N, C-alpha and C. Protein backbone atom coordinates (compact mmCIF):
# COMPACT_ATOMS: atom_id res chain seq x y z
N UNK A 1 5.74 11.84 -6.24
CA UNK A 1 5.76 10.30 -5.81
C UNK A 1 6.81 10.41 -4.75
N UNK A 2 6.83 9.56 -3.61
CA UNK A 2 7.97 9.44 -2.73
C UNK A 2 8.02 8.19 -2.89
N UNK A 3 9.62 7.83 -3.07
CA UNK A 3 9.78 6.45 -3.27
C UNK A 3 11.24 6.24 -2.29
N UNK A 4 10.62 5.01 -1.51
CA UNK A 4 11.82 4.63 -0.76
C UNK A 4 12.60 3.21 -1.59
N UNK A 5 13.94 3.51 -1.59
CA UNK A 5 14.75 2.59 -1.98
C UNK A 5 15.08 1.43 -0.89
N UNK A 6 14.99 0.24 -1.53
CA UNK A 6 15.30 -1.16 -0.54
C UNK A 6 16.66 -1.27 -1.34
N UNK A 7 17.51 -2.33 -0.41
CA UNK A 7 18.82 -2.62 -0.42
C UNK A 7 19.19 -3.11 -1.92
N UNK A 8 18.07 -3.64 -2.62
CA UNK A 8 18.47 -4.47 -4.02
C UNK A 8 18.00 -3.61 -5.08
N UNK A 9 16.89 -2.39 -4.42
CA UNK A 9 16.47 -1.21 -5.72
C UNK A 9 17.97 -0.41 -6.03
N UNK A 10 18.36 -0.21 -4.64
CA UNK A 10 19.63 0.82 -4.99
C UNK A 10 20.71 0.07 -5.72
N UNK A 11 20.98 -1.42 -5.47
CA UNK A 11 21.98 -2.12 -6.60
C UNK A 11 21.49 -2.00 -7.82
N UNK A 12 20.27 -2.20 -8.34
CA UNK A 12 19.77 -2.27 -9.66
C UNK A 12 19.40 -0.93 -10.47
N UNK A 13 19.44 0.04 -9.77
CA UNK A 13 19.77 1.54 -10.02
C UNK A 13 21.08 1.82 -10.41
N UNK A 14 21.98 1.11 -9.56
CA UNK A 14 23.72 1.17 -9.82
C UNK A 14 24.07 0.79 -11.08
N UNK A 15 23.20 -0.23 -11.20
CA UNK A 15 23.46 -1.30 -12.79
C UNK A 15 23.18 -0.95 -13.57
N UNK A 16 21.97 0.18 -13.74
CA UNK A 16 21.38 0.80 -14.91
C UNK A 16 20.11 -0.32 -15.03
N UNK A 17 19.65 -0.73 -14.10
CA UNK A 17 18.32 -1.48 -14.70
C UNK A 17 17.11 -0.80 -15.00
N UNK A 18 16.80 -1.05 -15.87
CA UNK A 18 16.01 0.25 -16.89
C UNK A 18 14.30 0.49 -15.93
N UNK A 19 13.44 -0.20 -15.39
CA UNK A 19 12.50 0.02 -14.71
C UNK A 19 13.05 0.72 -13.32
N UNK A 20 14.08 0.29 -12.92
CA UNK A 20 14.47 0.94 -11.15
C UNK A 20 14.57 2.63 -11.91
N UNK A 21 15.56 2.99 -12.92
CA UNK A 21 15.50 4.11 -13.17
C UNK A 21 14.37 4.96 -13.77
N UNK A 22 13.22 4.41 -14.52
CA UNK A 22 12.11 4.96 -14.75
C UNK A 22 11.76 5.68 -13.34
N UNK A 23 11.41 4.72 -12.52
CA UNK A 23 10.84 4.68 -11.08
C UNK A 23 11.68 5.99 -10.95
N UNK A 24 13.14 6.08 -10.75
CA UNK A 24 13.77 6.91 -10.03
C UNK A 24 13.28 8.56 -10.48
N UNK A 25 13.19 8.60 -11.60
CA UNK A 25 12.65 9.60 -12.76
C UNK A 25 11.16 9.96 -12.63
N UNK A 26 10.32 9.15 -12.22
CA UNK A 26 9.15 9.78 -11.80
C UNK A 26 8.94 10.10 -10.16
N UNK A 27 9.71 9.97 -9.23
CA UNK A 27 9.99 10.34 -7.88
C UNK A 27 10.31 11.94 -8.02
N UNK A 28 9.30 12.00 -7.00
CA UNK A 28 9.52 13.41 -6.40
C UNK A 28 10.50 13.78 -5.20
N UNK A 29 10.48 12.59 -4.55
CA UNK A 29 11.43 13.09 -3.48
C UNK A 29 11.98 11.31 -2.95
N UNK A 30 13.04 11.11 -2.90
CA UNK A 30 13.78 9.88 -3.18
C UNK A 30 14.27 9.85 -1.43
N UNK A 31 14.22 8.37 -0.93
CA UNK A 31 14.32 8.26 0.62
C UNK A 31 14.96 6.70 0.65
N UNK A 32 16.09 6.65 1.31
CA UNK A 32 17.10 5.47 1.86
C UNK A 32 16.84 5.78 3.37
N UNK A 33 16.41 3.99 3.90
CA UNK A 33 16.30 3.81 5.27
C UNK A 33 18.07 3.62 5.67
N UNK A 34 18.06 4.07 7.02
CA UNK A 34 19.52 3.63 7.39
C UNK A 34 19.68 2.44 7.66
N UNK A 35 18.63 1.44 7.39
CA UNK A 35 19.07 0.21 7.54
C UNK A 35 19.49 -0.58 6.30
N UNK A 36 19.04 0.32 5.12
CA UNK A 36 19.79 -0.01 3.92
C UNK A 36 21.04 0.15 3.80
N UNK A 37 21.31 1.48 4.13
CA UNK A 37 22.68 2.26 4.25
C UNK A 37 23.75 0.77 5.20
N UNK A 38 23.15 0.44 6.30
CA UNK A 38 23.62 -0.81 6.66
C UNK A 38 23.91 -1.99 5.84
N UNK A 39 22.81 -2.28 5.34
CA UNK A 39 23.36 -3.97 4.85
C UNK A 39 23.76 -3.18 3.41
N UNK A 40 24.59 -2.21 2.96
CA UNK A 40 25.39 -1.89 2.05
C UNK A 40 26.63 -1.74 2.39
N UNK A 41 26.79 -0.99 3.35
CA UNK A 41 28.17 -0.94 4.20
C UNK A 41 28.51 -2.41 4.20
N UNK A 42 27.73 -2.96 4.61
CA UNK A 42 28.08 -4.54 5.14
C UNK A 42 28.53 -5.40 3.97
N UNK A 43 27.63 -4.99 2.90
CA UNK A 43 27.94 -5.91 1.75
C UNK A 43 29.33 -5.20 0.67
N UNK A 44 30.01 -3.84 0.80
CA UNK A 44 30.58 -3.14 0.22
C UNK A 44 32.06 -3.77 1.26
N UNK A 45 32.38 -3.97 2.76
CA UNK A 45 33.22 -4.36 3.28
C UNK A 45 33.52 -5.65 3.05
N UNK A 46 32.81 -6.35 2.54
CA UNK A 46 33.09 -8.06 2.11
C UNK A 46 33.15 -8.31 0.98
N UNK A 47 33.13 -7.05 0.12
CA UNK A 47 33.46 -7.34 -1.42
C UNK A 47 34.69 -6.73 -1.56
N UNK A 48 35.04 -6.72 -2.99
CA UNK A 48 36.48 -6.27 -3.04
C UNK A 48 36.83 -4.79 -3.49
N UNK A 49 35.87 -4.28 -3.67
CA UNK A 49 35.89 -2.59 -3.83
C UNK A 49 35.26 -1.90 -3.01
N UNK A 50 35.83 -1.68 -1.88
CA UNK A 50 35.01 -0.73 -0.95
C UNK A 50 35.08 0.54 -0.89
N UNK A 51 36.02 1.24 -1.27
CA UNK A 51 36.46 2.47 -1.64
C UNK A 51 35.45 2.89 -2.81
N UNK A 52 35.34 2.48 -3.90
CA UNK A 52 34.86 2.62 -5.29
C UNK A 52 33.12 2.42 -4.93
N UNK A 53 32.99 1.81 -4.32
CA UNK A 53 31.36 1.22 -3.82
C UNK A 53 31.07 2.30 -2.89
N UNK A 54 31.52 2.88 -1.82
CA UNK A 54 31.25 3.74 -1.03
C UNK A 54 31.04 5.22 -1.82
N UNK A 55 32.42 5.42 -2.69
CA UNK A 55 31.88 6.88 -3.75
C UNK A 55 31.40 6.74 -4.50
N UNK A 56 30.80 5.72 -5.29
CA UNK A 56 29.71 5.55 -5.75
C UNK A 56 27.86 5.93 -5.14
N UNK A 57 28.09 4.96 -4.20
CA UNK A 57 26.95 5.27 -3.03
C UNK A 57 26.61 6.84 -2.35
N UNK A 58 27.97 7.50 -1.84
CA UNK A 58 27.88 8.59 -1.85
C UNK A 58 27.35 9.55 -2.86
N UNK A 59 27.93 9.51 -4.15
CA UNK A 59 27.58 10.29 -5.40
C UNK A 59 26.15 10.22 -6.13
N UNK A 60 25.47 8.86 -5.66
CA UNK A 60 23.92 8.54 -5.75
C UNK A 60 23.14 9.11 -4.90
N UNK A 61 23.44 9.43 -3.64
CA UNK A 61 22.74 10.50 -2.55
C UNK A 61 22.72 11.58 -3.12
N UNK A 62 24.03 12.08 -3.48
CA UNK A 62 24.09 13.52 -3.48
C UNK A 62 23.57 13.93 -4.90
N UNK A 63 23.59 13.14 -5.84
CA UNK A 63 22.86 13.40 -7.48
C UNK A 63 21.49 13.52 -7.23
N UNK A 64 20.89 12.72 -6.67
CA UNK A 64 19.42 12.33 -6.69
C UNK A 64 18.80 12.90 -5.38
N UNK A 65 19.64 13.77 -4.55
CA UNK A 65 19.22 14.29 -3.32
C UNK A 65 18.53 13.32 -2.51
N UNK A 66 18.77 12.25 -1.84
CA UNK A 66 18.15 11.42 -1.34
C UNK A 66 18.40 11.85 0.01
N UNK A 67 16.88 11.46 0.81
CA UNK A 67 17.14 11.89 2.37
C UNK A 67 17.19 10.65 3.33
N UNK A 68 17.86 10.67 3.81
CA UNK A 68 17.80 9.48 4.92
C UNK A 68 16.80 9.37 5.90
N UNK A 69 16.61 7.98 5.98
CA UNK A 69 15.48 8.21 7.13
C UNK A 69 16.14 7.15 8.57
N UNK A 70 16.38 7.94 9.26
CA UNK A 70 16.69 7.81 10.43
C UNK A 70 15.38 6.77 11.27
N UNK A 71 15.98 6.00 12.14
CA UNK A 71 14.92 5.13 12.85
C UNK A 71 14.72 5.66 14.57
N UNK A 72 13.48 6.06 14.62
CA UNK A 72 13.12 6.86 15.52
C UNK A 72 11.81 6.18 16.66
N UNK A 73 11.31 6.87 17.55
CA UNK A 73 10.53 6.43 18.20
C UNK A 73 9.36 5.65 17.41
N UNK A 74 8.55 6.75 16.47
CA UNK A 74 7.67 6.50 15.20
C UNK A 74 7.93 5.19 14.45
N UNK A 75 9.26 5.21 13.78
CA UNK A 75 9.41 4.21 13.26
C UNK A 75 9.20 2.88 13.97
N UNK A 76 9.79 2.78 15.30
CA UNK A 76 10.12 1.66 15.95
C UNK A 76 8.47 1.24 16.60
N UNK A 77 7.89 1.92 16.46
CA UNK A 77 6.30 1.98 16.80
C UNK A 77 5.62 1.26 15.23
N UNK A 78 6.16 1.87 14.16
CA UNK A 78 5.53 1.03 13.07
C UNK A 78 6.23 -0.28 13.15
N UNK A 79 7.39 -0.50 12.99
CA UNK A 79 8.24 -1.80 13.01
C UNK A 79 6.76 -2.83 14.00
N UNK A 80 6.80 -2.34 15.20
CA UNK A 80 6.09 -3.35 16.44
C UNK A 80 5.12 -3.81 15.56
N UNK A 81 3.84 -2.58 14.94
CA UNK A 81 2.36 -2.99 14.10
C UNK A 81 3.00 -3.71 13.26
N UNK A 82 4.34 -3.45 12.46
CA UNK A 82 3.99 -4.20 11.19
C UNK A 82 4.65 -5.90 11.67
N UNK A 83 5.13 -5.95 12.69
CA UNK A 83 5.88 -6.97 13.14
C UNK A 83 4.82 -7.51 13.61
N UNK A 84 3.94 -7.51 14.47
CA UNK A 84 2.65 -8.14 14.96
C UNK A 84 1.82 -8.31 13.80
N UNK A 85 1.63 -7.50 12.89
CA UNK A 85 0.79 -8.13 12.06
C UNK A 85 1.18 -9.29 11.30
N UNK A 86 2.08 -9.34 10.99
CA UNK A 86 3.03 -10.62 10.02
C UNK A 86 3.01 -11.52 10.58
N UNK A 87 3.07 -11.49 12.10
CA UNK A 87 2.92 -12.78 13.29
C UNK A 87 1.55 -13.54 13.08
N UNK A 88 0.44 -12.61 13.23
CA UNK A 88 -0.99 -12.70 12.81
C UNK A 88 -1.18 -13.13 11.53
N UNK A 89 -0.54 -13.06 10.82
CA UNK A 89 -0.79 -13.48 9.41
C UNK A 89 -0.26 -14.97 9.26
N UNK A 90 0.90 -15.21 9.98
CA UNK A 90 1.66 -16.56 10.04
C UNK A 90 2.69 -15.93 8.58
N UNK A 91 3.15 -14.91 8.43
CA UNK A 91 3.91 -14.28 7.08
C UNK A 91 5.37 -13.98 7.64
N UNK A 92 6.19 -14.55 8.23
CA UNK A 92 7.30 -14.02 8.88
C UNK A 92 8.07 -13.04 6.87
N UNK A 93 8.64 -12.47 7.60
CA UNK A 93 10.03 -11.87 6.36
C UNK A 93 11.10 -11.30 7.59
N UNK A 94 12.20 -11.57 6.53
CA UNK A 94 13.33 -10.92 7.31
C UNK A 94 13.50 -9.67 8.23
N UNK A 95 13.80 -9.61 9.54
CA UNK A 95 13.55 -8.59 10.73
C UNK A 95 14.01 -7.22 9.92
N UNK A 96 15.10 -7.04 9.00
CA UNK A 96 15.85 -6.08 8.46
C UNK A 96 14.54 -5.27 7.74
N UNK A 97 14.11 -6.66 6.95
CA UNK A 97 12.89 -5.70 5.63
C UNK A 97 11.56 -5.36 6.42
N UNK A 98 11.58 -5.82 7.87
CA UNK A 98 10.44 -5.05 8.91
C UNK A 98 10.92 -3.64 8.71
N UNK A 99 12.01 -3.45 9.56
CA UNK A 99 12.55 -1.82 9.71
C UNK A 99 12.34 -1.02 8.61
N UNK A 100 12.69 -1.61 6.88
CA UNK A 100 12.69 -0.77 5.84
C UNK A 100 11.26 -0.50 5.92
N UNK A 101 10.28 -1.56 6.09
CA UNK A 101 8.98 -1.42 5.67
C UNK A 101 8.64 -0.02 6.72
N UNK A 102 8.55 -0.10 7.74
CA UNK A 102 8.47 0.71 8.86
C UNK A 102 9.08 2.36 8.50
N UNK A 103 10.30 2.49 8.03
CA UNK A 103 10.54 3.40 7.70
C UNK A 103 10.13 4.10 6.49
N UNK A 104 9.87 3.49 5.51
CA UNK A 104 8.80 3.57 4.34
C UNK A 104 7.60 4.01 4.89
N UNK A 105 6.93 3.48 5.75
CA UNK A 105 5.43 3.85 6.41
C UNK A 105 6.09 4.90 6.85
N UNK A 106 6.79 5.56 7.48
CA UNK A 106 6.94 6.76 8.21
C UNK A 106 6.69 7.52 7.25
N UNK A 107 7.33 7.96 6.41
CA UNK A 107 7.03 8.54 5.38
C UNK A 107 6.37 8.81 4.30
N UNK A 108 5.21 7.59 4.40
CA UNK A 108 4.21 7.64 3.22
C UNK A 108 4.70 7.52 1.90
N UNK A 109 5.79 6.21 1.95
CA UNK A 109 6.35 6.47 0.57
C UNK A 109 5.90 4.59 -0.37
N UNK A 110 6.27 4.90 -1.24
CA UNK A 110 6.11 3.53 -2.06
C UNK A 110 7.53 2.88 -2.08
N UNK A 111 7.70 1.61 -1.61
CA UNK A 111 8.81 1.21 -1.57
C UNK A 111 9.18 0.05 -3.20
N UNK A 112 10.15 0.71 -3.33
CA UNK A 112 10.74 0.18 -4.78
C UNK A 112 11.70 -1.05 -3.78
N UNK A 113 11.29 -2.56 -4.39
CA UNK A 113 12.43 -3.63 -4.02
C UNK A 113 12.55 -4.62 -5.12
N UNK A 114 12.94 -5.68 -5.29
CA UNK A 114 13.06 -6.73 -6.11
C UNK A 114 12.37 -8.21 -4.97
N UNK A 115 12.15 -7.73 -4.03
CA UNK A 115 11.97 -8.81 -2.61
C UNK A 115 10.12 -8.72 -3.10
N UNK A 116 9.39 -10.43 -3.53
CA UNK A 116 8.22 -9.93 -3.56
C UNK A 116 7.51 -10.07 -1.96
N UNK A 117 8.42 -10.41 -1.11
CA UNK A 117 7.77 -11.27 0.14
C UNK A 117 7.08 -9.47 0.99
N UNK A 118 7.60 -8.29 0.51
CA UNK A 118 7.21 -6.96 1.04
C UNK A 118 5.48 -6.98 0.49
N UNK A 119 4.83 -7.82 -0.57
CA UNK A 119 3.90 -7.80 -0.54
C UNK A 119 2.50 -8.08 0.45
N UNK A 120 3.34 -9.29 1.16
CA UNK A 120 2.77 -9.62 2.33
C UNK A 120 2.46 -8.40 3.13
N UNK A 121 2.78 -7.14 3.24
CA UNK A 121 2.34 -6.08 4.10
C UNK A 121 1.16 -5.35 3.41
N UNK A 122 0.17 -5.09 4.60
CA UNK A 122 -1.04 -3.83 4.18
C UNK A 122 -0.73 -2.85 4.09
N UNK A 123 0.44 -2.34 5.11
CA UNK A 123 0.68 -1.11 5.66
C UNK A 123 1.44 -0.07 4.29
N UNK A 124 1.91 -0.94 3.65
CA UNK A 124 2.40 0.00 2.71
C UNK A 124 2.09 -0.09 1.37
N UNK A 125 2.55 0.57 0.34
CA UNK A 125 2.45 0.41 -1.02
C UNK A 125 3.94 0.03 -1.35
N UNK A 126 3.88 -1.04 -2.47
CA UNK A 126 5.20 -1.71 -2.85
C UNK A 126 5.12 -1.63 -4.22
N UNK A 127 6.34 -1.43 -4.91
CA UNK A 127 6.93 -1.61 -6.51
C UNK A 127 7.73 -2.85 -6.72
N UNK A 128 7.19 -3.86 -7.12
CA UNK A 128 8.07 -4.65 -7.29
C UNK A 128 8.99 -4.52 -8.73
N UNK A 129 10.31 -4.69 -8.31
CA UNK A 129 11.40 -4.62 -9.94
C UNK A 129 11.52 -5.80 -10.36
N UNK A 130 11.30 -6.11 -11.58
CA UNK A 130 11.45 -6.92 -12.07
C UNK A 130 12.94 -7.53 -12.75
N UNK A 131 14.00 -8.60 -12.53
CA UNK A 131 15.02 -8.46 -12.84
C UNK A 131 15.52 -8.97 -14.16
């Protein structure tokens, strides 16, 4: 099972959330979109433990052999498709989350997230984590 982590899914894994850790155990491949990395770096930058958080993230990536999803032309096209579909439905979601969904779609993964608004997407499978 291919799992793509949303920003809050990484945070829940980092804090030992049981459901999130169980999903990590079931995954055959784990992915992290570059957009999620950007959101994490931003949060770390404005927190009080920048170096500690960066170190924990790097260890997490290494320990679970996480593949980073880059934004390329294929992802950009999927972004456009998802954005247009959401607009037609009248169901906007944050722009970064559309990019994350496009990354997920590009690898055929299941998005692990705590954000219910991803369920508005028909293009990807979503696993909602309950806090």
